[in-house]
Amino acid sequence: MKLFDVYPLYDVEPVKAEDCTVWDKNGKEYLDLYGGHAVISIGHGHPHYVHKLKNQLDAIGFYSNAVQNSLQKELADKLGKLSSCDEYELFLCSSGAEANENALKLASFHNGKHRVIAFSNGFHGRTSAAVAATDNKAIIAPINAQQKVTILPLGDLNAVETELKKDDVCAIIIEPIQGVGGLDEATTEFFKGLEVLCKNSNTCLILDEVQSGFGRSGKFFGFQYHNIQPDIISMAKGMGNGFPIGGILVAPHIKSKYGLLGTTFGGNHLACAACIAVLDVLEKESLIQKAQLTGDYFVEKAAKIPGVKQIKGRGLMLGLEFDYEVGALRKQLIYEKQMFTGGAKNKNLLRILPPLTIGTTQIDAFIDAVTELVTQKV
């Protein structure tokens, strides 16, 4: 049987990983500055993480949500404390797309409306309503296009206000820092304006923290830079350090009832153990604070790279924007310098999403490598 061919693949097969280092099947060593799409938060193979998962697997790996699972409550308590979102309620699922899907569905249940507002260059997943709210027509099938979604320019508060006056918008969904789109972000004034407009129009404000959450931005959630209170927060990626887990945090004014949402695999024992381990390490090793400090160091050093037009993002969710497309540079970094980086919808942007454990010595090595390569190009 052949694999369904939907990914263009680099000729590298990782078989082993530790912290920020990955080894391929030939024993070649790579520096991971991408974390598998911002998934690796506490480093590959962190001892506490591995121990927690192994012990849980020895006990019980899975059972359904029809029975008690005290790990879910332990996870909720730890998450509430570390994120300072203790007043929210937690629903667990298995991916970022599923998290956004449930967030949009819950918003529509809550206020009985059906249209969604999203923003240019936003990315929210590849399923049903989530992909319809994504600004990329190439991945929206006709069945997804039936969803009622309006894409507005990021930062245009007047356009948002005009659409909300039609009184059919169930939710506004927005990333605090755009991931796939290219690390753009709106101003605090815009986010605060969205919060007010949503409250005045009975519209749910959904903050998509799938990529920016769990400390990557230098705060637990990216929206916390703007002092707002979303109605729903979606999360995944760094939440499980590689184990599939997602979830939404739901503000207390949105009421639950039996059957409203559901999942087979969400909140299973192994997933909870993985996320609890991540939260433990984030707290014990102060990785959120470290992400902010290391990110500041990266920005200072990267500003000296020849040809860098702009440095975008916060913490360790960063992008280097050049005046030219960086696809060839990414290949050089992989094959000549053995370093993983990421691309974006903005073809001129090199995305940097390393494990939050990365150190300044590794960043220096990357800066030197990029500087050498771009200097050769000039």
Protein backbone atom coordinates (compact mmCIF):
# COMPACT_ATOMS: atom_id res chain seq x y z
CA MET A 1 0.00 0.00 0.00
CA LYS A 2 1.24 3.49 -0.88
CA LEU A 3 0.90 6.49 1.41
CA PHE A 4 -1.55 9.18 0.33
CA ASP A 5 0.87 11.79 -0.96
CA VAL A 6 -0.04 15.14 0.64
CA TYR A 7 3.31 16.28 2.13
CA PRO A 8 6.46 17.35 0.25
CA LEU A 9 9.15 15.68 2.35
CA TYR A 10 12.75 16.62 3.08
CA ASP A 11 15.19 13.73 2.67
CA VAL A 12 15.75 13.33 6.41
CA GLU A 13 14.42 10.64 8.74
CA PRO A 14 14.82 11.42 12.46
CA VAL A 15 15.08 8.30 14.60
CA LYS A 16 16.32 9.67 17.92
CA ALA A 17 16.01 12.95 19.79
CA GLU A 18 17.14 14.54 23.05
CA ASP A 19 16.34 18.07 24.21
CA CYS A 20 17.07 20.30 21.16
CA THR A 21 19.01 17.68 19.20
CA VAL A 22 17.72 15.20 16.64
CA TRP A 23 19.64 12.34 14.98
CA ASP A 24 18.69 10.85 11.62
CA LYS A 25 18.85 7.19 10.59
CA ASN A 26 22.45 7.68 9.42
CA GLY A 27 23.55 9.03 12.80
CA LYS A 28 23.82 12.64 11.61
CA GLU A 29 23.05 15.23 14.29
CA TYR A 30 20.65 18.17 13.78
CA LEU A 31 19.77 21.24 15.85
CA ASP A 32 15.99 21.49 16.22
CA LEU A 33 14.86 25.10 15.88
CA TYR A 34 11.33 24.16 14.82
CA GLY A 35 10.08 21.66 17.38
CA GLY A 36 7.97 19.80 14.84
CA HIS A 37 5.65 22.81 14.27
CA ALA A 38 6.03 24.25 17.81
CA VAL A 39 5.00 20.93 19.39
CA ILE A 40 8.16 20.18 21.39
CA SER A 41 7.88 22.53 24.35
CA ILE A 42 10.03 21.01 27.12
CA GLY A 43 12.61 19.34 24.88
CA HIS A 44 12.70 15.94 23.22
CA GLY A 45 12.75 13.03 25.66
CA HIS A 46 12.70 15.06 28.86
CA PRO A 47 13.36 12.55 31.68
CA HIS A 48 10.33 13.61 33.76
CA TYR A 49 8.09 13.41 30.70
CA VAL A 50 9.37 9.96 29.70
CA HIS A 51 9.08 8.66 33.28
CA LYS A 52 5.51 9.97 33.61
CA LEU A 53 4.36 8.36 30.36
CA LYS A 54 6.07 5.05 31.03
CA ASN A 55 4.56 4.79 34.49
CA GLN A 56 1.12 5.67 33.18
CA LEU A 57 1.35 3.12 30.39
CA ASP A 58 2.28 0.46 32.94
CA ALA A 59 -0.92 1.33 34.84
CA ILE A 60 -3.60 2.15 32.24
CA GLY A 61 -3.24 3.92 28.90
CA PHE A 62 -6.83 4.51 27.89
CA TYR A 63 -10.44 4.25 28.86
CA SER A 64 -13.48 6.21 27.78
CA ASN A 65 -14.94 9.45 29.11
CA ALA A 66 -17.90 7.47 30.45
CA VAL A 67 -15.95 6.74 33.64
CA GLN A 68 -14.02 8.72 36.25
CA ASN A 69 -10.49 9.83 35.39
CA SER A 70 -8.89 11.81 38.20
CA LEU A 71 -5.94 12.72 35.96
CA GLN A 72 -8.25 15.13 34.14
CA LYS A 73 -8.96 17.00 37.35
CA GLU A 74 -5.26 17.04 38.27
CA LEU A 75 -4.50 18.45 34.82
CA ALA A 76 -7.23 21.09 35.12
CA ASP A 77 -5.97 22.21 38.54
CA LYS A 78 -2.34 22.49 37.39
CA LEU A 79 -3.30 24.24 34.18
CA GLY A 80 -5.55 26.73 35.94
CA LYS A 81 -2.84 27.62 38.43
CA LEU A 82 0.06 27.98 36.02
CA SER A 83 -1.92 29.83 33.33
CA SER A 84 -3.76 32.13 35.78
CA CYS A 85 -7.01 31.02 34.09
CA ASP A 86 -8.43 29.11 37.05
CA GLU A 87 -11.92 30.57 36.57
CA TYR A 88 -12.25 28.88 33.16
CA GLU A 89 -13.47 25.30 32.62
CA LEU A 90 -11.54 22.71 30.62
CA PHE A 91 -12.70 20.47 27.78
CA LEU A 92 -10.06 18.08 26.44
CA CYS A 93 -9.72 16.77 22.89
CA SER A 94 -6.88 15.50 20.71
CA SER A 95 -5.64 18.23 18.33
CA GLY A 96 -5.61 21.94 17.57
CA ALA A 97 -8.09 21.66 14.71
CA GLU A 98 -10.45 19.72 16.99
CA ALA A 99 -10.00 22.36 19.69
CA ASN A 100 -10.98 25.16 17.31
CA GLU A 101 -13.83 23.09 15.91
CA ASN A 102 -15.25 22.62 19.40
CA ALA A 103 -14.67 26.29 20.25
CA LEU A 104 -16.65 27.45 17.21
CA LYS A 105 -19.40 24.89 17.80
CA LEU A 106 -19.71 25.87 21.45
CA ALA A 107 -19.93 29.56 20.55
CA SER A 108 -22.75 28.84 18.13
CA PHE A 109 -24.58 26.76 20.73
CA HIS A 110 -24.13 29.54 23.28
CA ASN A 111 -25.66 32.43 21.33
CA GLY A 112 -27.61 30.66 18.59
CA LYS A 113 -25.80 32.48 15.78
CA HIS A 114 -23.99 30.92 12.85
CA ARG A 115 -21.45 33.23 11.15
CA VAL A 116 -17.76 33.48 12.07
CA ILE A 117 -15.35 36.37 11.68
CA ALA A 118 -11.70 35.49 11.12
CA PHE A 119 -8.73 37.46 9.81
CA SER A 120 -6.41 37.66 6.83
CA ASN A 121 -3.51 35.18 6.95
CA GLY A 122 -5.08 33.37 9.90
CA PHE A 123 -4.77 29.60 10.24
CA HIS A 124 -7.06 27.56 12.51
CA GLY A 125 -6.88 23.97 11.25
CA ARG A 126 -7.95 21.71 8.41
CA THR A 127 -11.38 20.47 9.51
CA SER A 128 -14.89 21.76 8.72
CA ALA A 129 -15.45 25.14 10.40
CA ALA A 130 -11.79 25.50 11.44
CA VAL A 131 -10.54 25.32 7.86
CA ALA A 132 -13.36 27.56 6.64
CA ALA A 133 -12.06 30.17 9.07
CA THR A 134 -8.55 29.74 7.67
CA ASP A 135 -7.39 32.27 5.08
CA ASN A 136 -6.18 29.78 2.47
CA LYS A 137 -8.60 28.89 -0.34
CA ALA A 138 -6.32 26.09 -1.54
CA ILE A 139 -7.16 23.91 1.48
CA ILE A 140 -10.89 24.73 1.71
CA ALA A 141 -12.99 22.06 -0.04
CA PRO A 142 -16.50 22.90 -1.35
CA ILE A 143 -18.04 21.12 1.65
CA ASN A 144 -16.08 23.42 3.99
CA ALA A 145 -16.98 26.52 1.99
CA GLN A 146 -20.61 26.12 3.03
CA GLN A 147 -19.65 27.50 6.44
CA LYS A 148 -20.58 31.15 6.98
CA VAL A 149 -17.21 32.86 7.46
CA THR A 150 -16.11 36.42 6.80
CA ILE A 151 -12.37 37.11 6.55
CA LEU A 152 -11.44 40.67 7.54
CA PRO A 153 -8.14 42.58 7.47
CA LEU A 154 -6.17 42.07 10.68
CA GLY A 155 -6.40 45.24 12.76
CA ASP A 156 -9.44 46.79 11.09
CA LEU A 157 -11.77 47.39 14.04
CA ASN A 158 -14.25 49.42 11.97
CA ALA A 159 -14.75 46.47 9.61
CA VAL A 160 -15.41 44.19 12.59
CA GLU A 161 -17.95 46.62 14.04
CA THR A 162 -19.78 46.84 10.70
CA GLU A 163 -20.10 43.05 10.47
CA LEU A 164 -21.22 42.62 14.08
CA LYS A 165 -24.11 45.03 13.49
CA LYS A 166 -25.69 42.33 11.28
CA ASP A 167 -26.26 40.35 14.52
CA ASP A 168 -25.51 36.91 13.06
CA VAL A 169 -21.89 36.41 14.21
CA CYS A 170 -21.46 33.65 16.78
CA ALA A 171 -17.69 34.05 17.16
CA ILE A 172 -14.60 36.00 16.29
CA ILE A 173 -11.55 33.75 16.15
CA ILE A 174 -8.05 35.19 16.18
CA GLU A 175 -4.47 34.14 16.91
CA PRO A 176 -2.61 36.45 19.31
CA ILE A 177 0.43 35.86 17.10
CA GLN A 178 -0.19 34.35 13.69
CA GLY A 179 1.67 31.10 13.16
CA VAL A 180 1.41 29.73 9.63
CA GLY A 181 0.47 33.20 8.37
CA GLY A 182 3.86 34.62 9.29
CA LEU A 183 4.12 35.92 12.89
CA ASP A 184 2.00 39.05 12.40
CA GLU A 185 -0.02 40.29 15.38
CA ALA A 186 -2.59 42.95 16.07
CA THR A 187 -2.16 45.78 18.56
CA THR A 188 -3.37 45.80 22.16
CA GLU A 189 -5.83 48.50 21.13
CA PHE A 190 -7.32 46.16 18.53
CA PHE A 191 -7.61 43.22 20.95
CA LYS A 192 -9.25 45.40 23.59
CA GLY A 193 -11.62 46.74 20.95
CA LEU A 194 -12.57 43.20 19.93
CA GLU A 195 -13.30 42.34 23.57
CA VAL A 196 -15.67 45.30 23.94
CA LEU A 197 -17.41 44.72 20.61
CA CYS A 198 -17.94 41.04 21.38
CA LYS A 199 -19.43 41.75 24.81
CA ASN A 200 -21.78 44.37 23.38
CA SER A 201 -23.01 42.10 20.59
CA ASN A 202 -23.30 38.74 22.40
CA THR A 203 -20.47 37.33 20.27
CA CYS A 204 -17.86 34.90 21.59
CA LEU A 205 -14.24 35.98 21.37
CA ILE A 206 -12.08 32.91 20.69
CA LEU A 207 -8.31 33.18 21.13
CA ASP A 208 -6.53 30.51 19.12
CA GLU A 209 -3.51 29.69 21.29
CA VAL A 210 -2.81 26.37 19.56
CA GLN A 211 0.69 27.47 18.59
CA SER A 212 1.32 30.44 20.90
CA GLY A 213 0.13 28.80 24.12
CA PHE A 214 1.94 26.90 26.86
CA GLY A 215 4.68 29.48 27.32
CA ARG A 216 5.96 29.82 23.78
CA SER A 217 5.32 33.57 23.59
CA GLY A 218 7.01 34.32 26.92
CA LYS A 219 3.69 34.32 28.74
CA PHE A 220 1.54 31.25 29.30
CA PHE A 221 -0.91 32.50 26.65
CA GLY A 222 -0.18 35.12 24.02
CA PHE A 223 -3.39 37.05 24.70
CA GLN A 224 -2.07 37.85 28.18
CA TYR A 225 0.13 40.54 26.65
CA HIS A 226 -3.08 42.51 25.98
CA ASN A 227 -4.93 42.23 29.30
CA ILE A 228 -8.14 40.80 27.84
CA GLN A 229 -10.46 37.96 28.86
CA PRO A 230 -11.51 35.75 25.93
CA ASP A 231 -14.71 33.72 26.08
CA ILE A 232 -12.94 30.60 24.79
CA ILE A 233 -9.24 29.73 24.50
CA SER A 234 -8.09 26.91 22.23
CA MET A 235 -4.79 25.07 22.73
CA ALA A 236 -2.78 22.04 21.55
CA LYS A 237 0.76 21.64 20.08
CA GLY A 238 3.15 22.32 23.02
CA MET A 239 0.51 21.03 25.42
CA GLY A 240 1.69 17.40 25.15
CA ASN A 241 5.32 17.76 23.96
CA GLY A 242 4.56 15.39 21.10
CA PHE A 243 1.68 13.37 22.53
CA PRO A 244 -1.57 14.28 20.71
CA ILE A 245 -3.68 16.43 23.01
CA GLY A 246 -5.75 19.59 22.63
CA GLY A 247 -8.37 21.44 24.55
CA ILE A 248 -10.43 24.53 25.09
CA LEU A 249 -10.81 26.74 28.14
CA VAL A 250 -14.37 27.99 28.51
CA ALA A 251 -15.40 31.10 30.43
CA PRO A 252 -17.94 30.43 33.24
CA HIS A 253 -20.80 32.35 31.59
CA ILE A 254 -20.90 29.67 28.84
CA LYS A 255 -22.82 26.82 30.44
CA SER A 256 -22.21 23.13 29.90
CA LYS A 257 -24.79 20.40 29.48
CA TYR A 258 -24.62 16.69 28.76
CA GLY A 259 -24.00 15.86 25.13
CA LEU A 260 -23.00 19.41 24.15
CA LEU A 261 -19.46 18.31 23.24
CA GLY A 262 -17.84 14.89 23.13
CA THR A 263 -14.67 13.01 22.25
CA THR A 264 -13.43 9.43 22.21
CA PHE A 265 -9.71 9.96 22.73
CA GLY A 266 -9.65 13.41 24.34
CA GLY A 267 -8.48 13.47 27.95
CA ASN A 268 -7.29 9.86 27.95
CA HIS A 269 -4.89 8.70 30.64
CA LEU A 270 -1.72 8.91 28.56
CA ALA A 271 -2.63 12.32 27.16
CA CYS A 272 -3.27 13.69 30.64
CA ALA A 273 0.01 12.24 31.93
CA ALA A 274 1.86 13.91 29.04
CA CYS A 275 0.30 17.32 29.68
CA ILE A 276 0.79 17.11 33.45
CA ALA A 277 4.46 16.35 32.84
CA VAL A 278 4.73 19.39 30.55
CA LEU A 279 3.14 21.64 33.17
CA ASP A 280 5.45 20.23 35.85
CA VAL A 281 8.54 21.00 33.79
CA LEU A 282 7.34 24.43 32.65
CA GLU A 283 6.94 25.39 36.30
CA LYS A 284 9.98 23.68 37.86
CA GLU A 285 12.43 24.85 35.18
CA SER A 286 10.85 28.33 34.73
CA LEU A 287 10.63 27.72 30.99
CA ILE A 288 8.03 30.42 30.35
CA GLN A 289 10.31 33.08 31.80
CA LYS A 290 13.24 31.49 29.99
CA ALA A 291 11.37 31.66 26.67
CA GLN A 292 11.02 35.40 27.08
CA LEU A 293 14.66 35.95 28.01
CA THR A 294 16.03 33.59 25.37
CA GLY A 295 13.75 35.18 22.79
CA ASP A 296 15.12 38.62 23.67
CA TYR A 297 18.65 37.27 23.24
CA PHE A 298 17.73 35.77 19.86
CA VAL A 299 16.23 39.04 18.62
CA GLU A 300 19.30 41.01 19.67
CA LYS A 301 21.65 38.63 17.85
CA ALA A 302 19.44 38.11 14.79
CA ALA A 303 19.22 41.85 14.15
CA LYS A 304 22.86 41.67 13.00
CA ILE A 305 22.21 39.05 10.29
CA PRO A 306 22.75 40.64 6.85
CA GLY A 307 19.53 41.03 4.88
CA VAL A 308 17.11 40.60 7.76
CA LYS A 309 14.31 43.06 7.04
CA GLN A 310 12.25 42.48 10.18
CA ILE A 311 12.11 40.20 13.23
CA LYS A 312 8.57 39.20 14.16
CA GLY A 313 6.94 37.45 17.09
CA ARG A 314 7.52 37.12 20.83
CA GLY A 315 9.38 34.77 23.13
CA LEU A 316 10.40 31.68 21.17
CA MET A 317 7.71 32.13 18.53
CA LEU A 318 9.79 34.13 16.09
CA GLY A 319 10.26 34.88 12.42
CA LEU A 320 13.11 36.34 10.38
CA GLU A 321 11.80 38.21 7.34
CA PHE A 322 14.07 38.74 4.35
CA ASP A 323 13.60 40.59 1.04
CA TYR A 324 13.56 37.26 -0.81
CA GLU A 325 11.98 33.82 -0.51
CA VAL A 326 13.72 31.61 2.06
CA GLY A 327 12.86 28.14 0.75
CA ALA A 328 16.40 27.62 -0.57
CA LEU A 329 17.88 28.94 2.68
CA ARG A 330 15.83 26.43 4.70
CA LYS A 331 17.18 23.59 2.54
CA GLN A 332 20.72 24.82 3.03
CA LEU A 333 20.19 24.97 6.78
CA ILE A 334 18.98 21.36 6.79
CA TYR A 335 21.45 19.78 4.37
CA GLU A 336 24.56 21.92 4.93
CA LYS A 337 24.22 23.07 8.55
CA GLN A 338 21.97 20.31 9.96
CA MET A 339 19.41 22.72 11.42
CA PHE A 340 15.61 22.46 11.28
CA THR A 341 13.63 25.68 10.78
CA GLY A 342 10.13 26.42 9.50
CA GLY A 343 8.44 28.24 6.65
CA ALA A 344 5.23 30.27 6.51
CA LYS A 345 2.57 31.53 4.14
CA ASN A 346 4.86 34.55 3.91
CA LYS A 347 7.52 32.95 1.68
CA ASN A 348 10.13 35.47 2.83
CA LEU A 349 9.85 34.41 6.46
CA LEU A 350 11.99 31.88 8.32
CA ARG A 351 10.09 30.57 11.35
CA ILE A 352 11.92 29.77 14.59
CA LEU A 353 9.98 27.59 17.08
CA PRO A 354 12.53 25.66 19.14
CA PRO A 355 11.98 23.75 22.37
CA LEU A 356 11.72 26.24 25.23
CA THR A 357 14.83 24.63 26.71
CA ILE A 358 17.11 25.97 23.98
CA GLY A 359 20.22 27.79 25.17
CA THR A 360 22.20 30.79 23.99
CA THR A 361 25.07 28.64 22.70
CA GLN A 362 22.69 26.88 20.32
CA ILE A 363 21.21 30.19 19.23
CA ASP A 364 24.71 31.53 18.56
CA ALA A 365 25.40 28.49 16.36
CA PHE A 366 22.24 29.18 14.37
CA ILE A 367 23.02 32.90 13.98
CA ASP A 368 26.53 32.05 12.73
CA ALA A 369 25.14 29.48 10.28
CA VAL A 370 22.50 31.82 8.82
CA THR A 371 24.97 34.69 8.63
CA GLU A 372 27.42 32.52 6.68
CA LEU A 373 24.77 31.31 4.26
CA VAL A 374 23.18 34.70 3.53
CA THR A 375 26.62 36.29 3.15
CA GLN A 376 27.44 33.68 0.50
CA LYS A 377 24.18 34.57 -1.26
CA VAL A 378 25.11 38.24 -1.40
